[in-house]
Amino acid sequence: MADASRPMIKGRFTTCELVKREELTSDLIKFWIKPAQDYTFKPGQYCTIGVDGIERPYSISSSPDEENIELFIEVVPVEHGGHLTPLLDHQKVGAEMTLRPRAKGIFVLQPQYKHHIFVGTVTGVVPYISMLRKFLNDPAWPEPVDGVAREDYTFHVLEGASYDDEFGYDEELNELAAKHNFIKFYPSVSRPNEERNANWTGAKGRINVLVDDYLEKLGVDPKETCVYACGHPQMIEDVGVRMEPTDYNFIEERFWKEDE
């Protein structure tokens, strides 16, 4: 007999298996899931997974070329309004979850611009990881655009977090920046004086406040540059306000939900 207390998922869905998980902090986890059927997506898009009839969208950090789908998830406690993430946090390797059969989202690379400024907070860096991995793994991506050569592209990841242990991809991004001169990584913590950040020696302050100064020092043509924002809604809003009077092109990820 079905559990009447559980929400019923409407529409088409398939399943996925949790094949690996990794805890970064008490409230940040990485999932690797294996879809039960073929699953395609564009770098920057999101998938929708569910447990017990509760679903939420999560941006994908893996490249479409990878075997499994990688997710970076912030766990929101029940007492703070969390619904799905507390359930996800209790899933063990081998668990089955629901998965909507199609990825969605228009927060994708804009290949008509030479310079890409990726602004994110904590899990908001995820779509940029997918884009960078795809760019490095697939010399035919993105499709050529008139007036922009592949060697013209530059990528700048500006990531903000309260604490330095919340940078889920800092090792990968530092390695990429060291290996490729067209990739730059600029992390910043907003609470530099707290004990948890005692060993932090990098930039300090909210990343949205630092964007203007970074762009000024970078000195690229605004009309050849796209600024992306993904993460906390207030950060996205502030970056958008800062870009509005400029000639920089601006796009934002819009699926964010306060209620996780």
C-alpha atoms as a PDB file:
ATOM      1  CA  MET A   1       0.000   0.000   0.000  1.00  0.00           C
ATOM      2  CA  ALA A   2       1.365   3.428  -0.928  1.00  0.00           C
ATOM      3  CA  ASP A   3       2.354   5.828   1.841  1.00  0.00           C
ATOM      4  CA  ALA A   4      -0.307   8.540   1.607  1.00  0.00           C
ATOM      5  CA  SER A   5       1.900  10.934   3.600  1.00  0.00           C
ATOM      6  CA  ARG A   6       4.528  11.056   0.849  1.00  0.00           C
ATOM      7  CA  PRO A   7       4.185  13.541  -2.015  1.00  0.00           C
ATOM      8  CA  MET A   8       3.482  11.956  -5.378  1.00  0.00           C
ATOM      9  CA  ILE A   9       5.816  12.844  -8.254  1.00  0.00           C
ATOM     10  CA  LYS A  10       3.851  13.798 -11.337  1.00  0.00           C
ATOM     11  CA  GLY A  11       5.078  13.577 -14.900  1.00  0.00           C
ATOM     12  CA  ARG A  12       7.922  11.570 -16.378  1.00  0.00           C
ATOM     13  CA  PHE A  13      10.870  10.486 -14.275  1.00  0.00           C
ATOM     14  CA  THR A  14      13.558   7.830 -14.202  1.00  0.00           C
ATOM     15  CA  THR A  15      15.913   6.776 -11.424  1.00  0.00           C
ATOM     16  CA  CYS A  16      19.572   7.111 -10.523  1.00  0.00           C
ATOM     17  CA  GLU A  17      21.919   5.334  -8.159  1.00  0.00           C
ATOM     18  CA  LEU A  18      24.213   7.042  -5.676  1.00  0.00           C
ATOM     19  CA  VAL A  19      27.596   5.526  -6.535  1.00  0.00           C
ATOM     20  CA  LYS A  20      29.842   7.783  -4.446  1.00  0.00           C
ATOM     21  CA  ARG A  21      29.562  10.502  -1.831  1.00  0.00           C
ATOM     22  CA  GLU A  22      32.052  12.752  -0.102  1.00  0.00           C
ATOM     23  CA  GLU A  23      31.560  15.034   2.914  1.00  0.00           C
ATOM     24  CA  LEU A  24      33.493  18.298   2.728  1.00  0.00           C
ATOM     25  CA  THR A  25      32.026  19.914   5.847  1.00  0.00           C
ATOM     26  CA  SER A  26      29.070  19.214   8.123  1.00  0.00           C
ATOM     27  CA  ASP A  27      26.746  20.850   5.590  1.00  0.00           C
ATOM     28  CA  LEU A  28      28.478  20.397   2.221  1.00  0.00           C
ATOM     29  CA  ILE A  29      28.496  17.094   0.346  1.00  0.00           C
ATOM     30  CA  LYS A  30      29.379  15.851  -3.117  1.00  0.00           C
ATOM     31  CA  PHE A  31      27.291  13.204  -4.838  1.00  0.00           C
ATOM     32  CA  TRP A  32      28.116  11.096  -7.873  1.00  0.00           C
ATOM     33  CA  ILE A  33      24.997   9.545  -9.357  1.00  0.00           C
ATOM     34  CA  LYS A  34      24.554   7.038 -12.177  1.00  0.00           C
ATOM     35  CA  PRO A  35      21.351   7.487 -14.226  1.00  0.00           C
ATOM     36  CA  ALA A  36      19.365   4.353 -15.023  1.00  0.00           C
ATOM     37  CA  GLN A  37      19.090   5.485 -18.650  1.00  0.00           C
ATOM     38  CA  ASP A  38      21.105   7.635 -21.042  1.00  0.00           C
ATOM     39  CA  TYR A  39      21.266  11.205 -19.798  1.00  0.00           C
ATOM     40  CA  THR A  40      22.467  14.188 -21.805  1.00  0.00           C
ATOM     41  CA  PHE A  41      23.062  17.763 -20.729  1.00  0.00           C
ATOM     42  CA  LYS A  42      24.920  20.920 -21.661  1.00  0.00           C
ATOM     43  CA  PRO A  43      27.623  22.281 -19.335  1.00  0.00           C
ATOM     44  CA  GLY A  44      25.902  24.693 -16.970  1.00  0.00           C
ATOM     45  CA  GLN A  45      22.545  22.929 -16.920  1.00  0.00           C
ATOM     46  CA  TYR A  46      20.913  21.305 -13.912  1.00  0.00           C
ATOM     47  CA  CYS A  47      19.257  17.990 -13.119  1.00  0.00           C
ATOM     48  CA  THR A  48      16.311  17.388 -10.803  1.00  0.00           C
ATOM     49  CA  ILE A  49      16.611  14.570  -8.273  1.00  0.00           C
ATOM     50  CA  GLY A  50      14.236  13.408  -5.583  1.00  0.00           C
ATOM     51  CA  VAL A  51      13.747  11.290  -2.479  1.00  0.00           C
ATOM     52  CA  ASP A  52      10.370  10.248  -1.057  1.00  0.00           C
ATOM     53  CA  GLY A  53       8.539  12.391  -3.587  1.00  0.00           C
ATOM     54  CA  ILE A  54      10.444  15.588  -2.753  1.00  0.00           C
ATOM     55  CA  GLU A  55      12.432  17.037  -5.673  1.00  0.00           C
ATOM     56  CA  ARG A  56      14.905  19.864  -6.179  1.00  0.00           C
ATOM     57  CA  PRO A  57      17.143  21.027  -9.058  1.00  0.00           C
ATOM     58  CA  TYR A  58      20.928  20.892  -8.716  1.00  0.00           C
ATOM     59  CA  SER A  59      23.498  22.220 -11.145  1.00  0.00           C
ATOM     60  CA  ILE A  60      25.853  19.600 -12.538  1.00  0.00           C
ATOM     61  CA  SER A  61      29.586  19.970 -11.975  1.00  0.00           C
ATOM     62  CA  SER A  62      30.704  17.056 -14.143  1.00  0.00           C
ATOM     63  CA  SER A  63      31.338  17.371 -17.858  1.00  0.00           C
ATOM     64  CA  PRO A  64      28.883  15.631 -20.197  1.00  0.00           C
ATOM     65  CA  ASP A  65      31.848  13.425 -21.158  1.00  0.00           C
ATOM     66  CA  GLU A  66      32.086  11.875 -17.680  1.00  0.00           C
ATOM     67  CA  GLU A  67      30.500   8.554 -16.768  1.00  0.00           C
ATOM     68  CA  ASN A  68      28.610   9.785 -13.696  1.00  0.00           C
ATOM     69  CA  ILE A  69      26.811  13.003 -12.804  1.00  0.00           C
ATOM     70  CA  GLU A  70      28.608  14.971 -10.086  1.00  0.00           C
ATOM     71  CA  LEU A  71      26.723  17.306  -7.741  1.00  0.00           C
ATOM     72  CA  PHE A  72      27.843  19.663  -4.979  1.00  0.00           C
ATOM     73  CA  ILE A  73      25.085  20.140  -2.412  1.00  0.00           C
ATOM     74  CA  GLU A  74      24.575  22.352   0.616  1.00  0.00           C
ATOM     75  CA  VAL A  75      22.579  20.616   3.345  1.00  0.00           C
ATOM     76  CA  VAL A  76      19.916  22.894   4.834  1.00  0.00           C
ATOM     77  CA  PRO A  77      18.739  21.606   8.257  1.00  0.00           C
ATOM     78  CA  VAL A  78      15.053  20.866   8.770  1.00  0.00           C
ATOM     79  CA  GLU A  79      14.837  23.573  11.430  1.00  0.00           C
ATOM     80  CA  HIS A  80      16.016  26.091   8.828  1.00  0.00           C
ATOM     81  CA  GLY A  81      13.456  25.007   6.259  1.00  0.00           C
ATOM     82  CA  GLY A  82      15.331  22.187   4.544  1.00  0.00           C
ATOM     83  CA  HIS A  83      13.188  19.506   2.929  1.00  0.00           C
ATOM     84  CA  LEU A  84      15.169  17.449   0.439  1.00  0.00           C
ATOM     85  CA  THR A  85      18.776  18.038   1.488  1.00  0.00           C
ATOM     86  CA  PRO A  86      18.345  16.460   4.971  1.00  0.00           C
ATOM     87  CA  LEU A  87      17.032  13.367   3.165  1.00  0.00           C
ATOM     88  CA  LEU A  88      19.931  13.435   0.705  1.00  0.00           C
ATOM     89  CA  ASP A  89      22.385  13.696   3.569  1.00  0.00           C
ATOM     90  CA  HIS A  90      21.154  10.312   4.864  1.00  0.00           C
ATOM     91  CA  GLN A  91      21.443   8.524   1.522  1.00  0.00           C
ATOM     92  CA  LYS A  92      24.117   5.842   1.437  1.00  0.00           C
ATOM     93  CA  VAL A  93      26.057   4.575  -1.561  1.00  0.00           C
ATOM     94  CA  GLY A  94      23.782   2.269  -3.512  1.00  0.00           C
ATOM     95  CA  ALA A  95      20.626   4.236  -2.718  1.00  0.00           C
ATOM     96  CA  GLU A  96      18.126   4.848  -5.501  1.00  0.00           C
ATOM     97  CA  MET A  97      16.682   8.297  -6.127  1.00  0.00           C
ATOM     98  CA  THR A  98      14.327   9.713  -8.720  1.00  0.00           C
ATOM     99  CA  LEU A  99      15.717  11.720 -11.624  1.00  0.00           C
ATOM    100  CA  ARG A 100      13.836  13.790 -14.152  1.00  0.00           C
ATOM    101  CA  PRO A 101      14.838  12.434 -17.577  1.00  0.00           C
ATOM    102  CA  ARG A 102      15.865  15.780 -19.056  1.00  0.00           C
ATOM    103  CA  ALA A 103      18.357  18.369 -17.897  1.00  0.00           C
ATOM    104  CA  LYS A 104      17.203  21.969 -18.039  1.00  0.00           C
ATOM    105  CA  GLY A 105      18.573  25.475 -17.834  1.00  0.00           C
ATOM    106  CA  ILE A 106      19.873  28.266 -20.055  1.00  0.00           C
ATOM    107  CA  PHE A 107      22.825  29.205 -17.836  1.00  0.00           C
ATOM    108  CA  VAL A 108      25.364  27.985 -20.366  1.00  0.00           C
ATOM    109  CA  LEU A 109      28.576  29.258 -21.916  1.00  0.00           C
ATOM    110  CA  GLN A 110      28.131  32.282 -24.168  1.00  0.00           C
ATOM    111  CA  PRO A 111      30.692  31.498 -26.911  1.00  0.00           C
ATOM    112  CA  GLN A 112      30.275  34.825 -28.707  1.00  0.00           C
ATOM    113  CA  TYR A 113      32.369  36.495 -25.987  1.00  0.00           C
ATOM    114  CA  LYS A 114      36.117  36.126 -25.532  1.00  0.00           C
ATOM    115  CA  HIS A 115      36.305  36.680 -21.797  1.00  0.00           C
ATOM    116  CA  HIS A 116      34.185  34.824 -19.237  1.00  0.00           C
ATOM    117  CA  ILE A 117      33.925  36.082 -15.658  1.00  0.00           C
ATOM    118  CA  PHE A 118      32.433  33.310 -13.525  1.00  0.00           C
ATOM    119  CA  VAL A 119      31.150  34.730 -10.219  1.00  0.00           C
ATOM    120  CA  GLY A 120      29.820  32.251  -7.656  1.00  0.00           C
ATOM    121  CA  THR A 121      29.333  31.535  -3.970  1.00  0.00           C
ATOM    122  CA  VAL A 122      30.125  28.052  -2.587  1.00  0.00           C
ATOM    123  CA  THR A 123      27.908  25.616  -4.565  1.00  0.00           C
ATOM    124  CA  GLY A 124      27.329  28.340  -7.151  1.00  0.00           C
ATOM    125  CA  VAL A 125      30.706  27.488  -8.682  1.00  0.00           C
ATOM    126  CA  VAL A 126      29.325  24.166  -9.940  1.00  0.00           C
ATOM    127  CA  PRO A 127      28.208  25.125 -13.491  1.00  0.00           C
ATOM    128  CA  TYR A 128      31.587  26.747 -14.121  1.00  0.00           C
ATOM    129  CA  ILE A 129      33.378  23.514 -13.239  1.00  0.00           C
ATOM    130  CA  SER A 130      31.299  21.692 -15.836  1.00  0.00           C
ATOM    131  CA  MET A 131      32.087  24.334 -18.467  1.00  0.00           C
ATOM    132  CA  LEU A 132      35.817  24.295 -17.765  1.00  0.00           C
ATOM    133  CA  ARG A 133      36.063  20.511 -17.786  1.00  0.00           C
ATOM    134  CA  LYS A 134      34.209  20.318 -21.089  1.00  0.00           C
ATOM    135  CA  PHE A 135      36.359  23.036 -22.644  1.00  0.00           C
ATOM    136  CA  LEU A 136      39.547  21.236 -21.638  1.00  0.00           C
ATOM    137  CA  ASN A 137      38.321  17.752 -22.564  1.00  0.00           C
ATOM    138  CA  ASP A 138      36.707  18.538 -25.902  1.00  0.00           C
ATOM    139  CA  PRO A 139      38.673  20.600 -28.454  1.00  0.00           C
ATOM    140  CA  ALA A 140      35.534  20.847 -30.624  1.00  0.00           C
ATOM    141  CA  TRP A 141      33.563  22.627 -27.862  1.00  0.00           C
ATOM    142  CA  PRO A 142      32.121  25.171 -28.000  1.00  0.00           C
ATOM    143  CA  GLU A 143      31.066  25.314 -31.617  1.00  0.00           C
ATOM    144  CA  PRO A 144      33.016  28.002 -33.514  1.00  0.00           C
ATOM    145  CA  VAL A 145      31.612  31.525 -33.536  1.00  0.00           C
ATOM    146  CA  ASP A 146      32.480  34.115 -36.174  1.00  0.00           C
ATOM    147  CA  GLY A 147      35.086  36.552 -34.926  1.00  0.00           C
ATOM    148  CA  VAL A 148      36.110  34.494 -31.873  1.00  0.00           C
ATOM    149  CA  ALA A 149      38.917  31.946 -32.054  1.00  0.00           C
ATOM    150  CA  ARG A 150      39.145  29.203 -29.442  1.00  0.00           C
ATOM    151  CA  GLU A 151      42.537  30.509 -28.323  1.00  0.00           C
ATOM    152  CA  ASP A 152      40.903  33.878 -27.586  1.00  0.00           C
ATOM    153  CA  TYR A 153      38.911  32.513 -24.660  1.00  0.00           C
ATOM    154  CA  THR A 154      39.838  33.376 -21.089  1.00  0.00           C
ATOM    155  CA  PHE A 155      38.076  32.151 -17.965  1.00  0.00           C
ATOM    156  CA  HIS A 156      38.094  33.844 -14.559  1.00  0.00           C
ATOM    157  CA  VAL A 157      36.498  32.076 -11.594  1.00  0.00           C
ATOM    158  CA  LEU A 158      35.665  34.483  -8.767  1.00  0.00           C
ATOM    159  CA  GLU A 159      34.352  32.443  -5.849  1.00  0.00           C
ATOM    160  CA  GLY A 160      33.201  33.705  -2.487  1.00  0.00           C
ATOM    161  CA  ALA A 161      32.567  31.799   0.737  1.00  0.00           C
ATOM    162  CA  SER A 162      32.296  32.519   4.426  1.00  0.00           C
ATOM    163  CA  TYR A 163      35.051  30.011   5.237  1.00  0.00           C
ATOM    164  CA  ASP A 164      37.942  28.559   3.283  1.00  0.00           C
ATOM    165  CA  ASP A 165      36.825  24.952   3.795  1.00  0.00           C
ATOM    166  CA  GLU A 166      33.690  25.721   1.764  1.00  0.00           C
ATOM    167  CA  PHE A 167      35.611  25.946  -1.512  1.00  0.00           C
ATOM    168  CA  GLY A 168      34.634  22.596  -2.937  1.00  0.00           C
ATOM    169  CA  TYR A 169      36.808  22.782  -6.046  1.00  0.00           C
ATOM    170  CA  ASP A 170      39.714  24.962  -4.964  1.00  0.00           C
ATOM    171  CA  GLU A 171      42.354  22.271  -5.517  1.00  0.00           C
ATOM    172  CA  GLU A 172      41.099  21.573  -9.021  1.00  0.00           C
ATOM    173  CA  LEU A 173      40.820  25.256  -9.895  1.00  0.00           C
ATOM    174  CA  ASN A 174      44.263  26.085  -8.522  1.00  0.00           C
ATOM    175  CA  GLU A 175      45.744  23.236 -10.578  1.00  0.00           C
ATOM    176  CA  LEU A 176      43.969  24.403 -13.728  1.00  0.00           C
ATOM    177  CA  ALA A 177      45.097  27.990 -13.178  1.00  0.00           C
ATOM    178  CA  ALA A 178      48.688  26.842 -12.696  1.00  0.00           C
ATOM    179  CA  LYS A 179      48.575  24.733 -15.847  1.00  0.00           C
ATOM    180  CA  HIS A 180      46.657  27.037 -18.201  1.00  0.00           C
ATOM    181  CA  ASN A 181      47.349  30.752 -18.516  1.00  0.00           C
ATOM    182  CA  PHE A 182      43.816  31.381 -19.822  1.00  0.00           C
ATOM    183  CA  ILE A 183      42.256  30.206 -16.536  1.00  0.00           C
ATOM    184  CA  LYS A 184      42.380  32.317 -13.368  1.00  0.00           C
ATOM    185  CA  PHE A 185      40.992  31.490  -9.922  1.00  0.00           C
ATOM    186  CA  TYR A 186      40.241  34.236  -7.413  1.00  0.00           C
ATOM    187  CA  PRO A 187      38.689  32.991  -4.135  1.00  0.00           C
ATOM    188  CA  SER A 188      37.724  35.241  -1.251  1.00  0.00           C
ATOM    189  CA  VAL A 189      36.389  34.688   2.268  1.00  0.00           C
ATOM    190  CA  SER A 190      33.891  37.086   3.797  1.00  0.00           C
ATOM    191  CA  ARG A 191      34.724  36.297   7.449  1.00  0.00           C
ATOM    192  CA  PRO A 192      38.527  36.498   7.492  1.00  0.00           C
ATOM    193  CA  ASN A 193      38.840  37.240  11.201  1.00  0.00           C
ATOM    194  CA  GLU A 194      37.087  34.114  12.447  1.00  0.00           C
ATOM    195  CA  GLU A 195      39.149  31.242  13.828  1.00  0.00           C
ATOM    196  CA  ARG A 196      37.917  28.872  11.127  1.00  0.00           C
ATOM    197  CA  ASN A 197      39.801  31.052   8.614  1.00  0.00           C
ATOM    198  CA  ALA A 198      42.976  31.323  10.673  1.00  0.00           C
ATOM    199  CA  ASN A 199      45.144  29.917   7.879  1.00  0.00           C
ATOM    200  CA  TRP A 200      43.577  31.964   5.083  1.00  0.00           C
ATOM    201  CA  THR A 201      46.005  34.219   3.200  1.00  0.00           C
ATOM    202  CA  GLY A 202      43.940  35.052   0.104  1.00  0.00           C
ATOM    203  CA  ALA A 203      41.467  37.795  -0.774  1.00  0.00           C
ATOM    204  CA  LYS A 204      39.018  39.054   1.815  1.00  0.00           C
ATOM    205  CA  GLY A 205      35.478  40.357   1.436  1.00  0.00           C
ATOM    206  CA  ARG A 206      32.243  39.457  -0.289  1.00  0.00           C
ATOM    207  CA  ILE A 207      32.944  38.398  -3.843  1.00  0.00           C
ATOM    208  CA  ASN A 208      30.220  40.620  -5.329  1.00  0.00           C
ATOM    209  CA  VAL A 209      31.921  43.667  -3.841  1.00  0.00           C
ATOM    210  CA  LEU A 210      35.275  42.639  -5.327  1.00  0.00           C
ATOM    211  CA  VAL A 211      34.013  42.137  -8.895  1.00  0.00           C
ATOM    212  CA  ASP A 212      34.364  45.791  -9.941  1.00  0.00           C
ATOM    213  CA  ASP A 213      37.981  46.018  -8.820  1.00  0.00           C
ATOM    214  CA  TYR A 214      38.857  42.711 -10.465  1.00  0.00           C
ATOM    215  CA  LEU A 215      37.375  43.802 -13.788  1.00  0.00           C
ATOM    216  CA  GLU A 216      39.132  47.164 -13.620  1.00  0.00           C
ATOM    217  CA  LYS A 217      42.509  45.509 -13.077  1.00  0.00           C
ATOM    218  CA  LEU A 218      41.801  42.902 -15.742  1.00  0.00           C
ATOM    219  CA  GLY A 219      41.315  45.632 -18.317  1.00  0.00           C
ATOM    220  CA  VAL A 220      39.416  43.624 -20.954  1.00  0.00           C
ATOM    221  CA  ASP A 221      36.923  45.099 -23.415  1.00  0.00           C
ATOM    222  CA  PRO A 222      33.489  44.976 -21.702  1.00  0.00           C
ATOM    223  CA  LYS A 223      31.779  44.347 -25.032  1.00  0.00           C
ATOM    224  CA  GLU A 224      33.878  41.203 -25.477  1.00  0.00           C
ATOM    225  CA  THR A 225      33.190  40.009 -21.925  1.00  0.00           C
ATOM    226  CA  CYS A 226      30.363  38.118 -20.251  1.00  0.00           C
ATOM    227  CA  VAL A 227      29.878  38.175 -16.485  1.00  0.00           C
ATOM    228  CA  TYR A 228      28.037  35.185 -15.029  1.00  0.00           C
ATOM    229  CA  ALA A 229      26.544  34.947 -11.524  1.00  0.00           C
ATOM    230  CA  CYS A 230      25.381  31.825  -9.711  1.00  0.00           C
ATOM    231  CA  GLY A 231      24.846  31.220  -6.011  1.00  0.00           C
ATOM    232  CA  HIS A 232      23.253  33.276  -3.277  1.00  0.00           C
ATOM    233  CA  PRO A 233      20.341  35.410  -4.587  1.00  0.00           C
ATOM    234  CA  GLN A 234      21.602  38.590  -2.918  1.00  0.00           C
ATOM    235  CA  MET A 235      25.022  38.142  -4.500  1.00  0.00           C
ATOM    236  CA  ILE A 236      23.450  37.630  -7.921  1.00  0.00           C
ATOM    237  CA  GLU A 237      21.242  40.687  -7.512  1.00  0.00           C
ATOM    238  CA  ASP A 238      24.144  42.882  -6.426  1.00  0.00           C
ATOM    239  CA  VAL A 239      26.408  41.801  -9.281  1.00  0.00           C
ATOM    240  CA  GLY A 240      23.548  42.473 -11.702  1.00  0.00           C
ATOM    241  CA  VAL A 241      23.093  45.974 -10.298  1.00  0.00           C
ATOM    242  CA  ARG A 242      26.829  46.638 -10.612  1.00  0.00           C
ATOM    243  CA  MET A 243      26.904  45.462 -14.234  1.00  0.00           C
ATOM    244  CA  GLU A 244      23.749  47.287 -15.343  1.00  0.00           C
ATOM    245  CA  PRO A 245      25.354  50.697 -16.036  1.00  0.00           C
ATOM    246  CA  THR A 246      28.350  49.097 -17.807  1.00  0.00           C
ATOM    247  CA  ASP A 247      28.910  47.553 -21.234  1.00  0.00           C
ATOM    248  CA  TYR A 248      29.602  44.128 -19.724  1.00  0.00           C
ATOM    249  CA  ASN A 249      27.174  41.407 -20.728  1.00  0.00           C
ATOM    250  CA  PHE A 250      25.523  39.752 -17.738  1.00  0.00           C
ATOM    251  CA  ILE A 251      23.652  36.476 -17.217  1.00  0.00           C
ATOM    252  CA  GLU A 252      22.465  34.789 -14.044  1.00  0.00           C
ATOM    253  CA  GLU A 253      21.294  31.382 -12.873  1.00  0.00           C
ATOM    254  CA  ARG A 254      17.605  31.691 -12.002  1.00  0.00           C
ATOM    255  CA  PHE A 255      16.551  28.343 -10.558  1.00  0.00           C
ATOM    256  CA  TRP A 256      17.830  29.036  -7.011  1.00  0.00           C
ATOM    257  CA  LYS A 257      15.297  28.292  -4.291  1.00  0.00           C
ATOM    258  CA  GLU A 258      15.576  29.533  -0.721  1.00  0.00           C
ATOM    259  CA  ASP A 259      13.634  26.444   0.384  1.00  0.00           C
ATOM    260  CA  GLU A 260      15.862  23.402  -0.086  1.00  0.00           C
END
